[in-house]
Amino acid sequence: MKFKHHLVYDSSHEIEYMLEGGDYNLSRLVVDTTLENLTTRKKVIPIVSIYAQEEEMFWDLTLDREDMEETLSKNLKIMEKFEDYERCQEIVNGIKFIQSKKSNGNKTKNKR
């Protein structure tokens, strides 16, 4: 899998903290990549490859298409914490888009 973004951190402890919502830049990257791929047909979307220098270990962060709504919802809280309200609105719009696709898909299935 090819990653457009790469990050380097000192240790896996830093990475764990970052993944728990302690890093604005990573959350922004996750949100932006998710929003850019709302209409993709890819099952798995590459987000970022992360390298922990102390352990000499790579972590590849990907997103399953089915998890987009949940991912956006979790990151909405993080963006609120960092007061990025413009991105919050984009997230809300993205969630509404996903939900409308789901409801339109169900209507199509029910008509058959």
N, C-alpha and C. Protein backbone atom coordinates (compact mmCIF):
# COMPACT_ATOMS: atom_id res chain seq x y z
N MET A 1 0.84 -1.17 0.00
CA MET A 1 0.00 0.00 0.00
C MET A 1 0.89 1.24 0.00
N LYS A 2 0.55 2.20 -0.81
CA LYS A 2 1.35 3.40 -0.95
C LYS A 2 0.75 4.53 -0.11
N PHE A 3 1.60 5.18 0.70
CA PHE A 3 1.16 6.26 1.57
C PHE A 3 1.68 7.60 1.06
N LYS A 4 0.79 8.56 1.02
CA LYS A 4 1.15 9.91 0.59
C LYS A 4 1.81 10.68 1.73
N HIS A 5 1.47 10.32 2.97
CA HIS A 5 1.96 11.04 4.15
C HIS A 5 2.81 10.12 5.02
N HIS A 6 3.89 10.70 5.60
CA HIS A 6 4.80 9.96 6.47
C HIS A 6 5.15 10.84 7.67
N LEU A 7 5.11 10.26 8.85
CA LEU A 7 5.48 10.98 10.07
C LEU A 7 6.54 10.19 10.81
N VAL A 8 7.41 10.91 11.55
CA VAL A 8 8.45 10.27 12.35
C VAL A 8 8.33 10.77 13.78
N TYR A 9 8.33 9.84 14.73
CA TYR A 9 8.27 10.17 16.15
C TYR A 9 9.40 9.44 16.86
N ASP A 10 9.73 9.90 18.06
CA ASP A 10 10.83 9.30 18.80
C ASP A 10 10.51 7.89 19.27
N SER A 11 9.27 7.69 19.79
CA SER A 11 8.96 6.38 20.38
C SER A 11 7.52 5.98 20.11
N SER A 12 7.25 4.73 20.39
CA SER A 12 5.87 4.23 20.23
C SER A 12 4.96 4.85 21.28
N HIS A 13 5.51 5.28 22.41
CA HIS A 13 4.70 5.95 23.44
C HIS A 13 4.13 7.26 22.90
N GLU A 14 4.94 7.99 22.16
CA GLU A 14 4.46 9.22 21.52
C GLU A 14 3.35 8.92 20.53
N ILE A 15 3.54 7.85 19.79
CA ILE A 15 2.54 7.47 18.78
C ILE A 15 1.23 7.09 19.46
N GLU A 16 1.30 6.33 20.54
CA GLU A 16 0.08 5.94 21.27
C GLU A 16 -0.66 7.17 21.78
N TYR A 17 0.08 8.13 22.34
CA TYR A 17 -0.54 9.37 22.82
C TYR A 17 -1.20 10.10 21.66
N MET A 18 -0.51 10.18 20.56
CA MET A 18 -1.00 10.88 19.38
C MET A 18 -2.28 10.21 18.87
N LEU A 19 -2.32 8.89 18.84
CA LEU A 19 -3.48 8.17 18.34
C LEU A 19 -4.69 8.30 19.26
N GLU A 20 -4.47 8.63 20.50
CA GLU A 20 -5.57 8.81 21.45
C GLU A 20 -6.15 10.22 21.41
N GLY A 21 -5.74 11.00 20.44
CA GLY A 21 -6.32 12.33 20.28
C GLY A 21 -5.46 13.45 20.81
N GLY A 22 -4.21 13.17 21.07
CA GLY A 22 -3.33 14.20 21.60
C GLY A 22 -2.57 14.96 20.53
N ASP A 23 -2.85 14.68 19.27
CA ASP A 23 -2.09 15.32 18.21
C ASP A 23 -3.04 15.91 17.17
N TYR A 24 -3.09 17.22 17.13
CA TYR A 24 -3.98 17.92 16.21
C TYR A 24 -3.65 17.59 14.76
N ASN A 25 -2.38 17.58 14.42
CA ASN A 25 -1.97 17.36 13.02
C ASN A 25 -2.38 15.99 12.50
N LEU A 26 -2.25 14.96 13.33
CA LEU A 26 -2.67 13.63 12.89
C LEU A 26 -4.19 13.59 12.70
N SER A 27 -4.93 14.14 13.64
CA SER A 27 -6.39 14.15 13.54
C SER A 27 -6.83 14.93 12.30
N ARG A 28 -6.18 16.04 12.04
CA ARG A 28 -6.49 16.83 10.85
C ARG A 28 -6.23 16.02 9.59
N LEU A 29 -5.13 15.29 9.59
CA LEU A 29 -4.78 14.45 8.45
C LEU A 29 -5.82 13.33 8.24
N VAL A 30 -6.26 12.72 9.33
CA VAL A 30 -7.28 11.67 9.26
C VAL A 30 -8.59 12.24 8.71
N VAL A 31 -8.99 13.39 9.24
CA VAL A 31 -10.24 14.03 8.80
C VAL A 31 -10.16 14.41 7.33
N ASP A 32 -9.10 15.09 6.95
CA ASP A 32 -8.98 15.55 5.57
C ASP A 32 -8.94 14.39 4.58
N THR A 33 -8.21 13.34 4.93
CA THR A 33 -8.13 12.17 4.04
C THR A 33 -9.49 11.48 3.95
N THR A 34 -10.19 11.39 5.06
CA THR A 34 -11.52 10.78 5.05
C THR A 34 -12.47 11.59 4.18
N LEU A 35 -12.48 12.90 4.36
CA LEU A 35 -13.37 13.75 3.59
C LEU A 35 -13.04 13.71 2.09
N GLU A 36 -11.77 13.64 1.77
CA GLU A 36 -11.34 13.56 0.37
C GLU A 36 -11.79 12.26 -0.29
N ASN A 37 -12.05 11.24 0.51
CA ASN A 37 -12.37 9.91 -0.02
C ASN A 37 -13.82 9.50 0.23
N LEU A 38 -14.70 10.43 0.47
CA LEU A 38 -16.10 10.09 0.74
C LEU A 38 -16.76 9.32 -0.40
N THR A 39 -16.34 9.56 -1.61
CA THR A 39 -16.96 8.89 -2.75
C THR A 39 -16.09 7.79 -3.35
N THR A 40 -15.02 7.44 -2.67
CA THR A 40 -14.11 6.42 -3.20
C THR A 40 -14.76 5.05 -3.20
N ARG A 41 -14.27 4.21 -4.06
CA ARG A 41 -14.72 2.81 -4.07
C ARG A 41 -13.68 1.91 -3.40
N LYS A 42 -12.56 2.52 -2.98
CA LYS A 42 -11.53 1.74 -2.29
C LYS A 42 -12.09 1.19 -0.98
N LYS A 43 -11.76 -0.04 -0.70
CA LYS A 43 -12.20 -0.64 0.56
C LYS A 43 -11.34 -0.14 1.73
N VAL A 44 -10.02 -0.02 1.48
CA VAL A 44 -9.09 0.44 2.50
C VAL A 44 -8.36 1.67 1.97
N ILE A 45 -8.36 2.72 2.78
CA ILE A 45 -7.77 4.00 2.37
C ILE A 45 -6.51 4.24 3.21
N PRO A 46 -5.35 4.40 2.56
CA PRO A 46 -4.13 4.70 3.31
C PRO A 46 -4.16 6.14 3.83
N ILE A 47 -3.81 6.31 5.10
CA ILE A 47 -3.79 7.66 5.68
C ILE A 47 -2.36 8.13 5.89
N VAL A 48 -1.59 7.39 6.68
CA VAL A 48 -0.22 7.84 6.97
C VAL A 48 0.62 6.66 7.44
N SER A 49 1.89 6.67 7.08
CA SER A 49 2.86 5.71 7.60
C SER A 49 3.67 6.44 8.67
N ILE A 50 3.75 5.83 9.84
CA ILE A 50 4.40 6.47 11.00
C ILE A 50 5.60 5.61 11.42
N TYR A 51 6.70 6.29 11.70
CA TYR A 51 7.92 5.58 12.11
C TYR A 51 8.30 5.97 13.53
N ALA A 52 8.51 4.95 14.39
CA ALA A 52 8.99 5.17 15.76
C ALA A 52 10.49 4.88 15.76
N GLN A 53 11.30 5.92 16.00
CA GLN A 53 12.75 5.79 15.89
C GLN A 53 13.36 4.85 16.93
N GLU A 54 12.94 4.97 18.20
CA GLU A 54 13.54 4.15 19.25
C GLU A 54 13.36 2.66 18.99
N GLU A 55 12.18 2.28 18.54
CA GLU A 55 11.88 0.87 18.30
C GLU A 55 12.19 0.45 16.87
N GLU A 56 12.51 1.42 16.02
CA GLU A 56 12.73 1.18 14.59
C GLU A 56 11.54 0.39 14.01
N MET A 57 10.37 0.96 14.23
CA MET A 57 9.13 0.28 13.89
C MET A 57 8.21 1.20 13.09
N PHE A 58 7.56 0.65 12.06
CA PHE A 58 6.60 1.41 11.26
C PHE A 58 5.19 1.05 11.68
N TRP A 59 4.33 2.04 11.68
CA TRP A 59 2.89 1.85 11.90
C TRP A 59 2.20 2.44 10.68
N ASP A 60 1.36 1.67 10.05
CA ASP A 60 0.60 2.16 8.91
C ASP A 60 -0.84 2.36 9.34
N LEU A 61 -1.28 3.60 9.22
CA LEU A 61 -2.64 3.95 9.61
C LEU A 61 -3.52 3.98 8.36
N THR A 62 -4.52 3.11 8.36
CA THR A 62 -5.45 3.03 7.23
C THR A 62 -6.87 3.20 7.74
N LEU A 63 -7.79 3.38 6.80
CA LEU A 63 -9.20 3.54 7.13
C LEU A 63 -10.03 2.63 6.26
N ASP A 64 -10.85 1.79 6.87
CA ASP A 64 -11.81 0.99 6.13
C ASP A 64 -12.98 1.89 5.75
N ARG A 65 -13.44 1.76 4.54
CA ARG A 65 -14.53 2.61 4.05
C ARG A 65 -15.75 2.54 4.97
N GLU A 66 -16.05 1.35 5.52
CA GLU A 66 -17.21 1.19 6.40
C GLU A 66 -17.07 1.98 7.71
N ASP A 67 -15.85 2.38 8.07
CA ASP A 67 -15.61 3.06 9.34
C ASP A 67 -15.55 4.59 9.21
N MET A 68 -15.87 5.11 8.04
CA MET A 68 -15.73 6.56 7.81
C MET A 68 -16.59 7.39 8.76
N GLU A 69 -17.84 7.02 8.93
CA GLU A 69 -18.73 7.81 9.79
C GLU A 69 -18.24 7.82 11.23
N GLU A 70 -17.86 6.66 11.74
CA GLU A 70 -17.35 6.56 13.11
C GLU A 70 -16.05 7.36 13.27
N THR A 71 -15.18 7.27 12.29
CA THR A 71 -13.90 7.99 12.33
C THR A 71 -14.14 9.50 12.36
N LEU A 72 -15.05 9.97 11.53
CA LEU A 72 -15.35 11.40 11.52
C LEU A 72 -15.97 11.83 12.85
N SER A 73 -16.86 11.02 13.40
CA SER A 73 -17.49 11.36 14.68
C SER A 73 -16.47 11.48 15.80
N LYS A 74 -15.54 10.52 15.88
CA LYS A 74 -14.50 10.57 16.91
C LYS A 74 -13.61 11.80 16.74
N ASN A 75 -13.27 12.11 15.50
CA ASN A 75 -12.39 13.24 15.25
C ASN A 75 -13.11 14.58 15.38
N LEU A 76 -14.43 14.58 15.31
CA LEU A 76 -15.19 15.81 15.55
C LEU A 76 -14.91 16.31 16.96
N LYS A 77 -14.89 15.41 17.92
CA LYS A 77 -14.60 15.79 19.31
C LYS A 77 -13.20 16.37 19.45
N ILE A 78 -12.26 15.78 18.74
CA ILE A 78 -10.88 16.26 18.80
C ILE A 78 -10.77 17.65 18.17
N MET A 79 -11.43 17.85 17.04
CA MET A 79 -11.40 19.17 16.39
C MET A 79 -12.08 20.22 17.25
N GLU A 80 -13.13 19.84 17.97
CA GLU A 80 -13.77 20.77 18.91
C GLU A 80 -12.80 21.15 20.02
N LYS A 81 -12.06 20.15 20.53
CA LYS A 81 -11.07 20.40 21.59
C LYS A 81 -10.03 21.41 21.15
N PHE A 82 -9.62 21.32 19.88
CA PHE A 82 -8.62 22.23 19.34
C PHE A 82 -9.24 23.49 18.71
N GLU A 83 -10.56 23.62 18.85
CA GLU A 83 -11.31 24.79 18.38
C GLU A 83 -11.16 25.05 16.88
N ASP A 84 -11.10 23.97 16.10
CA ASP A 84 -11.07 24.09 14.64
C ASP A 84 -12.51 23.93 14.15
N TYR A 85 -13.28 24.99 14.31
CA TYR A 85 -14.71 24.91 14.04
C TYR A 85 -15.03 24.83 12.55
N GLU A 86 -14.17 25.35 11.72
CA GLU A 86 -14.39 25.22 10.28
C GLU A 86 -14.31 23.75 9.87
N ARG A 87 -13.30 23.06 10.40
CA ARG A 87 -13.17 21.64 10.09
C ARG A 87 -14.32 20.85 10.74
N CYS A 88 -14.79 21.30 11.90
CA CYS A 88 -15.94 20.65 12.54
C CYS A 88 -17.15 20.68 11.61
N GLN A 89 -17.38 21.81 10.97
CA GLN A 89 -18.51 21.92 10.04
C GLN A 89 -18.33 20.99 8.85
N GLU A 90 -17.11 20.89 8.36
CA GLU A 90 -16.83 19.96 7.25
C GLU A 90 -17.09 18.52 7.67
N ILE A 91 -16.75 18.19 8.91
CA ILE A 91 -16.99 16.84 9.43
C ILE A 91 -18.49 16.56 9.50
N VAL A 92 -19.24 17.51 10.05
CA VAL A 92 -20.69 17.35 10.15
C VAL A 92 -21.29 17.15 8.76
N ASN A 93 -20.85 17.94 7.80
CA ASN A 93 -21.34 17.79 6.42
C ASN A 93 -20.97 16.42 5.86
N GLY A 94 -19.77 15.94 6.16
CA GLY A 94 -19.34 14.63 5.71
C GLY A 94 -20.18 13.51 6.31
N ILE A 95 -20.48 13.63 7.59
CA ILE A 95 -21.33 12.63 8.27
C ILE A 95 -22.72 12.62 7.64
N LYS A 96 -23.27 13.79 7.39
CA LYS A 96 -24.59 13.88 6.75
C LYS A 96 -24.57 13.25 5.37
N PHE A 97 -23.49 13.47 4.62
CA PHE A 97 -23.34 12.88 3.28
C PHE A 97 -23.35 11.36 3.37
N ILE A 98 -22.58 10.81 4.31
CA ILE A 98 -22.51 9.35 4.49
C ILE A 98 -23.89 8.81 4.86
N GLN A 99 -24.57 9.48 5.79
CA GLN A 99 -25.89 9.02 6.22
C GLN A 99 -26.91 9.09 5.09
N SER A 100 -26.81 10.12 4.25
CA SER A 100 -27.75 10.23 3.13
C SER A 100 -27.49 9.13 2.10
N LYS A 101 -26.21 8.77 1.90
CA LYS A 101 -25.89 7.68 0.98
C LYS A 101 -26.45 6.37 1.52
N LYS A 102 -26.36 6.17 2.83
CA LYS A 102 -26.89 4.95 3.45
C LYS A 102 -28.40 4.89 3.28
N SER A 103 -29.09 6.00 3.57
CA SER A 103 -30.55 5.98 3.48
C SER A 103 -31.01 5.86 2.03
N ASN A 104 -30.30 6.47 1.09
CA ASN A 104 -30.64 6.32 -0.32
C ASN A 104 -30.39 4.90 -0.80
N GLY A 105 -29.36 4.28 -0.30
CA GLY A 105 -29.06 2.89 -0.65
C GLY A 105 -30.13 1.95 -0.14
N ASN A 106 -30.62 2.23 1.08
CA ASN A 106 -31.69 1.40 1.64
C ASN A 106 -32.98 1.56 0.86
N LYS A 107 -33.28 2.78 0.40
CA LYS A 107 -34.49 3.01 -0.39
C LYS A 107 -34.43 2.24 -1.70
N THR A 108 -33.25 2.26 -2.32
CA THR A 108 -33.07 1.54 -3.59
C THR A 108 -33.25 0.04 -3.37
N LYS A 109 -32.69 -0.49 -2.30
CA LYS A 109 -32.80 -1.92 -2.02
C LYS A 109 -34.26 -2.30 -1.73
N ASN A 110 -34.99 -1.43 -1.01
CA ASN A 110 -36.37 -1.73 -0.65
C ASN A 110 -37.29 -1.71 -1.87
N LYS A 111 -36.95 -0.96 -2.90
CA LYS A 111 -37.80 -0.84 -4.09
C LYS A 111 -37.72 -2.09 -4.96
N ARG A 112 -36.70 -2.88 -4.83
CA ARG A 112 -36.51 -4.05 -5.69
C ARG A 112 -37.38 -5.17 -5.27
